[in-house]
C-alpha cells in the first residue's frame, strides 16, 4: 500500500511539472488523481441499503451448557434413579 501511495504521488508530481498539462485552479487533489488515472468520480452515488437481518439465536434452540450444568444434571438424574 505504501508503494502505491508513493507511486501515485510521484506520478502526480510528474503530471504537475509537465508544461504541456495545464492544471485547473478549481480542481481538488482527488479530481486530479482521478484525471491522472483516467477515472471519473460520479456526481450521484446510489447505494441500496440491505434489509437488516437478525441473527439472534442463529436457529439454535438450546444454548451450550457449561460443564457444571451438565455435571449437575447427571448427578440429579442419578439421585432420582436411586
PDB file of N, CA and C in Angstrom:
ATOM      1  N   UNK A   1       0.829  -1.188   0.000  1.00  0.00           N
ATOM      2  CA  UNK A   1       0.000   0.000   0.000  1.00  0.00           C
ATOM      3  C   UNK A   1       0.873   1.251   0.000  1.00  0.00           C
ATOM      4  N   UNK A   2       1.972   1.184   0.748  1.00  0.00           N
ATOM      5  CA  UNK A   2       2.888   2.320   0.807  1.00  0.00           C
ATOM      6  C   UNK A   2       3.486   2.588  -0.567  1.00  0.00           C
ATOM      7  N   UNK A   3       3.807   1.514  -1.289  1.00  0.00           N
ATOM      8  CA  UNK A   3       4.361   1.656  -2.634  1.00  0.00           C
ATOM      9  C   UNK A   3       3.359   2.353  -3.553  1.00  0.00           C
ATOM     10  N   UNK A   4       2.080   1.981  -3.442  1.00  0.00           N
ATOM     11  CA  UNK A   4       1.042   2.582  -4.275  1.00  0.00           C
ATOM     12  C   UNK A   4       0.938   4.083  -4.006  1.00  0.00           C
ATOM     13  N   UNK A   5       0.977   4.459  -2.732  1.00  0.00           N
ATOM     14  CA  UNK A   5       0.859   5.873  -2.369  1.00  0.00           C
ATOM     15  C   UNK A   5       2.048   6.656  -2.918  1.00  0.00           C
ATOM     16  N   UNK A   6       3.258   6.106  -2.734  1.00  0.00           N
ATOM     17  CA  UNK A   6       4.450   6.797  -3.242  1.00  0.00           C
ATOM     18  C   UNK A   6       4.413   6.915  -4.760  1.00  0.00           C
ATOM     19  N   UNK A   7       3.997   5.842  -5.434  1.00  0.00           N
ATOM     20  CA  UNK A   7       3.940   5.845  -6.893  1.00  0.00           C
ATOM     21  C   UNK A   7       2.907   6.857  -7.385  1.00  0.00           C
ATOM     22  N   UNK A   8       1.761   6.916  -6.724  1.00  0.00           N
ATOM     23  CA  UNK A   8       0.712   7.865  -7.101  1.00  0.00           C
ATOM     24  C   UNK A   8       1.179   9.298  -6.908  1.00  0.00           C
ATOM     25  N   UNK A   9       1.846   9.565  -5.781  1.00  0.00           N
ATOM     26  CA  UNK A   9       2.350  10.912  -5.526  1.00  0.00           C
ATOM     27  C   UNK A   9       3.411  11.309  -6.542  1.00  0.00           C
ATOM     28  N   UNK A  10       4.294  10.369  -6.892  1.00  0.00           N
ATOM     29  CA  UNK A  10       5.329  10.699  -7.883  1.00  0.00           C
ATOM     30  C   UNK A  10       4.714  10.929  -9.258  1.00  0.00           C
ATOM     31  N   UNK A  11       3.692  10.158  -9.608  1.00  0.00           N
ATOM     32  CA  UNK A  11       3.025  10.365 -10.890  1.00  0.00           C
ATOM     33  C   UNK A  11       2.325  11.718 -10.918  1.00  0.00           C
ATOM     34  N   UNK A  12       1.711  12.108  -9.791  1.00  0.00           N
ATOM     35  CA  UNK A  12       1.047  13.400  -9.713  1.00  0.00           C
ATOM     36  C   UNK A  12       2.051  14.540  -9.851  1.00  0.00           C
ATOM     37  N   UNK A  13       3.213  14.407  -9.202  1.00  0.00           N
ATOM     38  CA  UNK A  13       4.242  15.447  -9.314  1.00  0.00           C
ATOM     39  C   UNK A  13       4.750  15.562 -10.750  1.00  0.00           C
ATOM     40  N   UNK A  14       4.941  14.418 -11.419  1.00  0.00           N
ATOM     41  CA  UNK A  14       5.349  14.448 -12.827  1.00  0.00           C
ATOM     42  C   UNK A  14       4.297  15.140 -13.678  1.00  0.00           C
ATOM     43  N   UNK A  15       3.048  14.854 -13.377  1.00  0.00           N
ATOM     44  CA  UNK A  15       1.947  15.452 -14.133  1.00  0.00           C
ATOM     45  C   UNK A  15       1.890  16.959 -13.911  1.00  0.00           C
ATOM     46  N   UNK A  16       2.079  17.383 -12.641  1.00  0.00           N
ATOM     47  CA  UNK A  16       2.032  18.809 -12.335  1.00  0.00           C
ATOM     48  C   UNK A  16       3.215  19.551 -12.952  1.00  0.00           C
ATOM     49  N   UNK A  17       4.373  18.920 -13.019  1.00  0.00           N
ATOM     50  CA  UNK A  17       5.570  19.573 -13.541  1.00  0.00           C
ATOM     51  C   UNK A  17       5.639  19.549 -15.066  1.00  0.00           C
ATOM     52  N   UNK A  18       4.771  18.790 -15.708  1.00  0.00           N
ATOM     53  CA  UNK A  18       4.769  18.711 -17.167  1.00  0.00           C
ATOM     54  C   UNK A  18       4.186  20.014 -17.724  1.00  0.00           C
ATOM     55  N   UNK A  19       4.940  20.755 -18.515  1.00  0.00           N
ATOM     56  CA  UNK A  19       4.437  22.048 -19.020  1.00  0.00           C
ATOM     57  C   UNK A  19       3.297  21.895 -20.029  1.00  0.00           C
ATOM     58  N   UNK A  20       3.123  20.739 -20.622  1.00  0.00           N
ATOM     59  CA  UNK A  20       2.047  20.569 -21.592  1.00  0.00           C
ATOM     60  C   UNK A  20       0.681  20.431 -20.923  1.00  0.00           C
ATOM     61  N   UNK A  21       0.660  20.089 -19.643  1.00  0.00           N
ATOM     62  CA  UNK A  21      -0.600  19.949 -18.909  1.00  0.00           C
ATOM     63  C   UNK A  21      -0.857  21.209 -18.105  1.00  0.00           C
ATOM     64  N   UNK A  22      -2.032  21.775 -18.291  1.00  0.00           N
ATOM     65  CA  UNK A  22      -2.402  22.958 -17.511  1.00  0.00           C
ATOM     66  C   UNK A  22      -3.417  22.536 -16.461  1.00  0.00           C
ATOM     67  N   UNK A  23      -3.053  22.719 -15.202  1.00  0.00           N
ATOM     68  CA  UNK A  23      -3.958  22.358 -14.116  1.00  0.00           C
ATOM     69  C   UNK A  23      -5.019  23.432 -13.941  1.00  0.00           C
ATOM     70  N   UNK A  24      -6.230  22.998 -13.723  1.00  0.00           N
ATOM     71  CA  UNK A  24      -7.297  23.950 -13.444  1.00  0.00           C
ATOM     72  C   UNK A  24      -7.242  24.302 -11.959  1.00  0.00           C
ATOM     73  N   UNK A  25      -7.425  25.549 -11.638  1.00  0.00           N
ATOM     74  CA  UNK A  25      -7.292  26.026 -10.261  1.00  0.00           C
ATOM     75  C   UNK A  25      -8.379  25.481  -9.338  1.00  0.00           C
ATOM     76  N   UNK A  26      -9.584  25.212  -9.868  1.00  0.00           N
ATOM     77  CA  UNK A  26     -10.687  24.808  -9.010  1.00  0.00           C
ATOM     78  C   UNK A  26     -10.797  23.299  -8.829  1.00  0.00           C
ATOM     79  N   UNK A  27      -9.870  22.527  -9.308  1.00  0.00           N
ATOM     80  CA  UNK A  27      -9.909  21.081  -9.150  1.00  0.00           C
ATOM     81  C   UNK A  27      -9.240  20.684  -7.837  1.00  0.00           C
ATOM     82  N   UNK A  28      -9.740  19.621  -7.233  1.00  0.00           N
ATOM     83  CA  UNK A  28      -9.177  19.146  -5.975  1.00  0.00           C
ATOM     84  C   UNK A  28      -8.125  18.071  -6.262  1.00  0.00           C
ATOM     85  N   UNK A  29      -7.440  17.677  -5.214  1.00  0.00           N
ATOM     86  CA  UNK A  29      -6.418  16.645  -5.325  1.00  0.00           C
ATOM     87  C   UNK A  29      -7.025  15.339  -5.822  1.00  0.00           C
ATOM     88  N   UNK A  30      -8.199  14.992  -5.307  1.00  0.00           N
ATOM     89  CA  UNK A  30      -8.855  13.744  -5.694  1.00  0.00           C
ATOM     90  C   UNK A  30      -9.223  13.776  -7.172  1.00  0.00           C
ATOM     91  N   UNK A  31      -9.730  14.903  -7.634  1.00  0.00           N
ATOM     92  CA  UNK A  31     -10.088  15.027  -9.045  1.00  0.00           C
ATOM     93  C   UNK A  31      -8.858  14.942  -9.932  1.00  0.00           C
ATOM     94  N   UNK A  32      -7.744  15.522  -9.489  1.00  0.00           N
ATOM     95  CA  UNK A  32      -6.513  15.474 -10.278  1.00  0.00           C
ATOM     96  C   UNK A  32      -5.974  14.045 -10.372  1.00  0.00           C
ATOM     97  N   UNK A  33      -6.010  13.329  -9.263  1.00  0.00           N
ATOM     98  CA  UNK A  33      -5.545  11.943  -9.272  1.00  0.00           C
ATOM     99  C   UNK A  33      -6.462  11.101 -10.155  1.00  0.00           C
ATOM    100  N   UNK A  34      -7.766  11.357 -10.069  1.00  0.00           N
ATOM    101  CA  UNK A  34      -8.712  10.648 -10.918  1.00  0.00           C
ATOM    102  C   UNK A  34      -8.449  10.921 -12.391  1.00  0.00           C
ATOM    103  N   UNK A  35      -8.166  12.167 -12.730  1.00  0.00           N
ATOM    104  CA  UNK A  35      -7.847  12.524 -14.121  1.00  0.00           C
ATOM    105  C   UNK A  35      -6.552  11.852 -14.555  1.00  0.00           C
ATOM    106  N   UNK A  36      -5.588  11.804 -13.657  1.00  0.00           N
ATOM    107  CA  UNK A  36      -4.306  11.170 -13.959  1.00  0.00           C
ATOM    108  C   UNK A  36      -4.476   9.681 -14.226  1.00  0.00           C
ATOM    109  N   UNK A  37      -5.344   9.035 -13.456  1.00  0.00           N
ATOM    110  CA  UNK A  37      -5.558   7.597 -13.617  1.00  0.00           C
ATOM    111  C   UNK A  37      -6.613   7.269 -14.663  1.00  0.00           C
ATOM    112  N   UNK A  38      -7.290   8.276 -15.169  1.00  0.00           N
ATOM    113  CA  UNK A  38      -8.275   8.047 -16.213  1.00  0.00           C
ATOM    114  C   UNK A  38      -9.622   7.578 -15.696  1.00  0.00           C
ATOM    115  N   UNK A  39      -9.965   7.971 -14.479  1.00  0.00           N
ATOM    116  CA  UNK A  39     -11.269   7.606 -13.929  1.00  0.00           C
ATOM    117  C   UNK A  39     -12.027   8.875 -13.580  1.00  0.00           C
ATOM    118  N   UNK A  40     -13.343   8.760 -13.493  1.00  0.00           N
ATOM    119  CA  UNK A  40     -14.144   9.913 -13.102  1.00  0.00           C
ATOM    120  C   UNK A  40     -14.972   9.542 -11.878  1.00  0.00           C
ATOM    121  N   UNK A  41     -15.174  10.512 -11.025  1.00  0.00           N
ATOM    122  CA  UNK A  41     -15.949  10.301  -9.812  1.00  0.00           C
ATOM    123  C   UNK A  41     -17.397  10.670 -10.128  1.00  0.00           C
ATOM    124  N   UNK A  42     -18.340   9.739  -9.909  1.00  0.00           N
ATOM    125  CA  UNK A  42     -19.732  10.053 -10.217  1.00  0.00           C
ATOM    126  C   UNK A  42     -20.284  11.126  -9.277  1.00  0.00           C
ATOM    127  N   UNK A  43     -21.169  11.951  -9.813  1.00  0.00           N
ATOM    128  CA  UNK A  43     -21.772  13.019  -9.006  1.00  0.00           C
ATOM    129  C   UNK A  43     -22.790  12.450  -8.022  1.00  0.00           C
ATOM    130  N   UNK A  44     -23.652  11.534  -8.488  1.00  0.00           N
ATOM    131  CA  UNK A  44     -24.668  10.918  -7.631  1.00  0.00           C
ATOM    132  C   UNK A  44     -24.285   9.468  -7.383  1.00  0.00           C
ATOM    133  N   UNK A  45     -24.283   9.074  -6.128  1.00  0.00           N
ATOM    134  CA  UNK A  45     -23.957   7.702  -5.762  1.00  0.00           C
ATOM    135  C   UNK A  45     -25.217   7.064  -5.200  1.00  0.00           C
ATOM    136  N   UNK A  46     -25.673   6.012  -5.867  1.00  0.00           N
ATOM    137  CA  UNK A  46     -26.863   5.285  -5.414  1.00  0.00           C
ATOM    138  C   UNK A  46     -26.421   4.025  -4.704  1.00  0.00           C
ATOM    139  N   UNK A  47     -26.763   3.944  -3.423  1.00  0.00           N
ATOM    140  CA  UNK A  47     -26.412   2.771  -2.626  1.00  0.00           C
ATOM    141  C   UNK A  47     -27.704   2.176  -2.100  1.00  0.00           C
ATOM    142  N   UNK A  48     -27.923   0.905  -2.386  1.00  0.00           N
ATOM    143  CA  UNK A  48     -29.078   0.206  -1.868  1.00  0.00           C
ATOM    144  C   UNK A  48     -28.722  -0.371  -0.508  1.00  0.00           C
ATOM    145  N   UNK A  49     -29.413   0.109   0.515  1.00  0.00           N
ATOM    146  CA  UNK A  49     -29.161  -0.357   1.866  1.00  0.00           C
ATOM    147  C   UNK A  49     -29.798  -1.739   2.021  1.00  0.00           C
ATOM    148  N   UNK A  50     -29.045  -2.732   2.477  1.00  0.00           N
ATOM    149  CA  UNK A  50     -29.620  -4.072   2.621  1.00  0.00           C
ATOM    150  C   UNK A  50     -30.629  -4.129   3.766  1.00  0.00           C
ATOM    151  N   UNK A  51     -31.549  -5.083   3.646  1.00  0.00           N
ATOM    152  CA  UNK A  51     -32.510  -5.290   4.724  1.00  0.00           C
ATOM    153  C   UNK A  51     -31.765  -5.819   5.939  1.00  0.00           C
ATOM    154  N   UNK A  52     -32.146  -5.333   7.116  1.00  0.00           N
ATOM    155  CA  UNK A  52     -31.489  -5.762   8.342  1.00  0.00           C
ATOM    156  C   UNK A  52     -31.975  -7.161   8.685  1.00  0.00           C
ATOM    157  N   UNK A  53     -31.048  -8.033   8.945  1.00  0.00           N
ATOM    158  CA  UNK A  53     -31.401  -9.405   9.279  1.00  0.00           C
ATOM    159  C   UNK A  53     -30.930  -9.692  10.694  1.00  0.00           C
ATOM    160  N   UNK A  54     -31.813 -10.222  11.489  1.00  0.00           N
ATOM    161  CA  UNK A  54     -31.464 -10.545  12.861  1.00  0.00           C
ATOM    162  C   UNK A  54     -30.914 -11.955  12.911  1.00  0.00           C
ATOM    163  N   UNK A  55     -29.789 -12.114  13.535  1.00  0.00           N
ATOM    164  CA  UNK A  55     -29.211 -13.450  13.674  1.00  0.00           C
ATOM    165  C   UNK A  55     -29.202 -13.886  15.138  1.00  0.00           C
ATOM    166  N   UNK A  56     -30.030 -13.261  15.933  1.00  0.00           N
ATOM    167  CA  UNK A  56     -30.080 -13.607  17.340  1.00  0.00           C
ATOM    168  C   UNK A  56     -30.627 -15.015  17.489  1.00  0.00           C
ATOM    169  N   UNK A  57     -29.902 -15.842  18.130  1.00  0.00           N
ATOM    170  CA  UNK A  57     -30.311 -17.226  18.324  1.00  0.00           C
ATOM    171  C   UNK A  57     -29.746 -18.151  17.270  1.00  0.00           C
ATOM    172  N   UNK A  58     -29.498 -17.642  16.096  1.00  0.00           N
ATOM    173  CA  UNK A  58     -28.900 -18.400  14.996  1.00  0.00           C
ATOM    174  C   UNK A  58     -29.621 -19.710  14.708  1.00  0.00           C
ATOM    175  N   UNK A  59     -30.891 -19.806  15.004  1.00  0.00           N
ATOM    176  CA  UNK A  59     -31.648 -21.010  14.715  1.00  0.00           C
ATOM    177  C   UNK A  59     -31.399 -22.142  15.688  1.00  0.00           C
ATOM    178  N   UNK A  60     -30.580 -21.911  16.676  1.00  0.00           N
ATOM    179  CA  UNK A  60     -30.260 -22.938  17.659  1.00  0.00           C
ATOM    180  C   UNK A  60     -31.241 -22.820  18.812  1.00  0.00           C
ATOM    181  N   UNK A  61     -31.891 -23.912  19.145  1.00  0.00           N
ATOM    182  CA  UNK A  61     -32.938 -23.847  20.163  1.00  0.00           C
ATOM    183  C   UNK A  61     -32.365 -23.840  21.577  1.00  0.00           C
ATOM    184  N   UNK A  62     -31.308 -24.573  21.799  1.00  0.00           N
ATOM    185  CA  UNK A  62     -30.733 -24.654  23.147  1.00  0.00           C
ATOM    186  C   UNK A  62     -29.375 -23.974  23.164  1.00  0.00           C
ATOM    187  N   UNK A  63     -29.099 -23.357  24.279  1.00  0.00           N
ATOM    188  CA  UNK A  63     -27.777 -22.758  24.424  1.00  0.00           C
ATOM    189  C   UNK A  63     -26.791 -23.831  24.852  1.00  0.00           C
ATOM    190  N   UNK A  64     -25.528 -23.561  24.677  1.00  0.00           N
ATOM    191  CA  UNK A  64     -24.493 -24.505  25.084  1.00  0.00           C
ATOM    192  C   UNK A  64     -24.371 -24.450  26.599  1.00  0.00           C
ATOM    193  N   UNK A  65     -24.465 -25.595  27.215  1.00  0.00           N
ATOM    194  CA  UNK A  65     -24.419 -25.665  28.669  1.00  0.00           C
ATOM    195  C   UNK A  65     -22.981 -25.791  29.151  1.00  0.00           C
ATOM    196  N   UNK A  66     -22.747 -25.254  30.351  1.00  0.00           N
ATOM    197  CA  UNK A  66     -21.420 -25.349  30.940  1.00  0.00           C
ATOM    198  C   UNK A  66     -21.207 -26.752  31.504  1.00  0.00           C
ATOM    199  N   UNK A  67     -19.962 -27.057  31.810  1.00  0.00           N
ATOM    200  CA  UNK A  67     -19.631 -28.368  32.377  1.00  0.00           C
ATOM    201  C   UNK A  67     -20.305 -28.573  33.730  1.00  0.00           C
ATOM    202  N   UNK A  68     -20.419 -27.490  34.498  1.00  0.00           N
ATOM    203  CA  UNK A  68     -21.059 -27.584  35.803  1.00  0.00           C
ATOM    204  C   UNK A  68     -22.541 -27.945  35.672  1.00  0.00           C
ATOM    205  N   UNK A  69     -23.210 -27.337  34.699  1.00  0.00           N
ATOM    206  CA  UNK A  69     -24.626 -27.645  34.496  1.00  0.00           C
ATOM    207  C   UNK A  69     -24.824 -29.096  34.059  1.00  0.00           C
ATOM    208  N   UNK A  70     -23.958 -29.569  33.178  1.00  0.00           N
ATOM    209  CA  UNK A  70     -24.056 -30.957  32.719  1.00  0.00           C
ATOM    210  C   UNK A  70     -23.812 -31.912  33.880  1.00  0.00           C
ATOM    211  N   UNK A  71     -22.786 -31.624  34.687  1.00  0.00           N
ATOM    212  CA  UNK A  71     -22.469 -32.478  35.838  1.00  0.00           C
ATOM    213  C   UNK A  71     -23.616 -32.464  36.838  1.00  0.00           C
ATOM    214  N   UNK A  72     -24.234 -31.310  37.062  1.00  0.00           N
ATOM    215  CA  UNK A  72     -25.353 -31.214  37.995  1.00  0.00           C
ATOM    216  C   UNK A  72     -26.542 -32.046  37.507  1.00  0.00           C
ATOM    217  N   UNK A  73     -26.845 -31.968  36.213  1.00  0.00           N
ATOM    218  CA  UNK A  73     -27.962 -32.739  35.673  1.00  0.00           C
ATOM    219  C   UNK A  73     -27.699 -34.239  35.780  1.00  0.00           C
ATOM    220  N   UNK A  74     -26.467 -34.651  35.511  1.00  0.00           N
ATOM    221  CA  UNK A  74     -26.124 -36.074  35.620  1.00  0.00           C
ATOM    222  C   UNK A  74     -26.260 -36.524  37.070  1.00  0.00           C
ATOM    223  N   UNK A  75     -25.775 -35.711  37.997  1.00  0.00           N
ATOM    224  CA  UNK A  75     -25.835 -36.050  39.412  1.00  0.00           C
ATOM    225  C   UNK A  75     -27.284 -36.136  39.886  1.00  0.00           C
ATOM    226  N   UNK A  76     -28.115 -35.183  39.484  1.00  0.00           N
ATOM    227  CA  UNK A  76     -29.510 -35.210  39.937  1.00  0.00           C
ATOM    228  C   UNK A  76     -30.282 -36.348  39.295  1.00  0.00           C
ATOM    229  N   UNK A  77     -29.948 -36.703  38.068  1.00  0.00           N
ATOM    230  CA  UNK A  77     -30.648 -37.828  37.432  1.00  0.00           C
ATOM    231  C   UNK A  77     -30.259 -39.154  38.089  1.00  0.00           C
ATOM    232  N   UNK A  78     -28.994 -39.285  38.539  1.00  0.00           N
ATOM    233  CA  UNK A  78     -28.569 -40.486  39.225  1.00  0.00           C
ATOM    234  C   UNK A  78     -29.267 -40.597  40.580  1.00  0.00           C
ATOM    235  N   UNK A  79     -29.444 -39.457  41.266  1.00  0.00           N
ATOM    236  CA  UNK A  79     -30.100 -39.464  42.570  1.00  0.00           C
ATOM    237  C   UNK A  79     -31.588 -39.825  42.424  1.00  0.00           C
ATOM    238  N   UNK A  80     -32.215 -39.387  41.330  1.00  0.00           N
ATOM    239  CA  UNK A  80     -33.620 -39.706  41.124  1.00  0.00           C
ATOM    240  C   UNK A  80     -33.818 -41.188  40.809  1.00  0.00           C
ATOM    241  N   UNK A  81     -32.862 -41.770  40.108  1.00  0.00           N
ATOM    242  CA  UNK A  81     -32.938 -43.176  39.748  1.00  0.00           C
ATOM    243  C   UNK A  81     -32.773 -44.065  40.978  1.00  0.00           C
ATOM    244  N   UNK A  82     -32.017 -43.599  41.956  1.00  0.00           N
ATOM    245  CA  UNK A  82     -31.725 -44.430  43.143  1.00  0.00           C
ATOM    246  C   UNK A  82     -32.828 -44.471  44.135  1.00  0.00           C
TER     247      UNK A  82
END
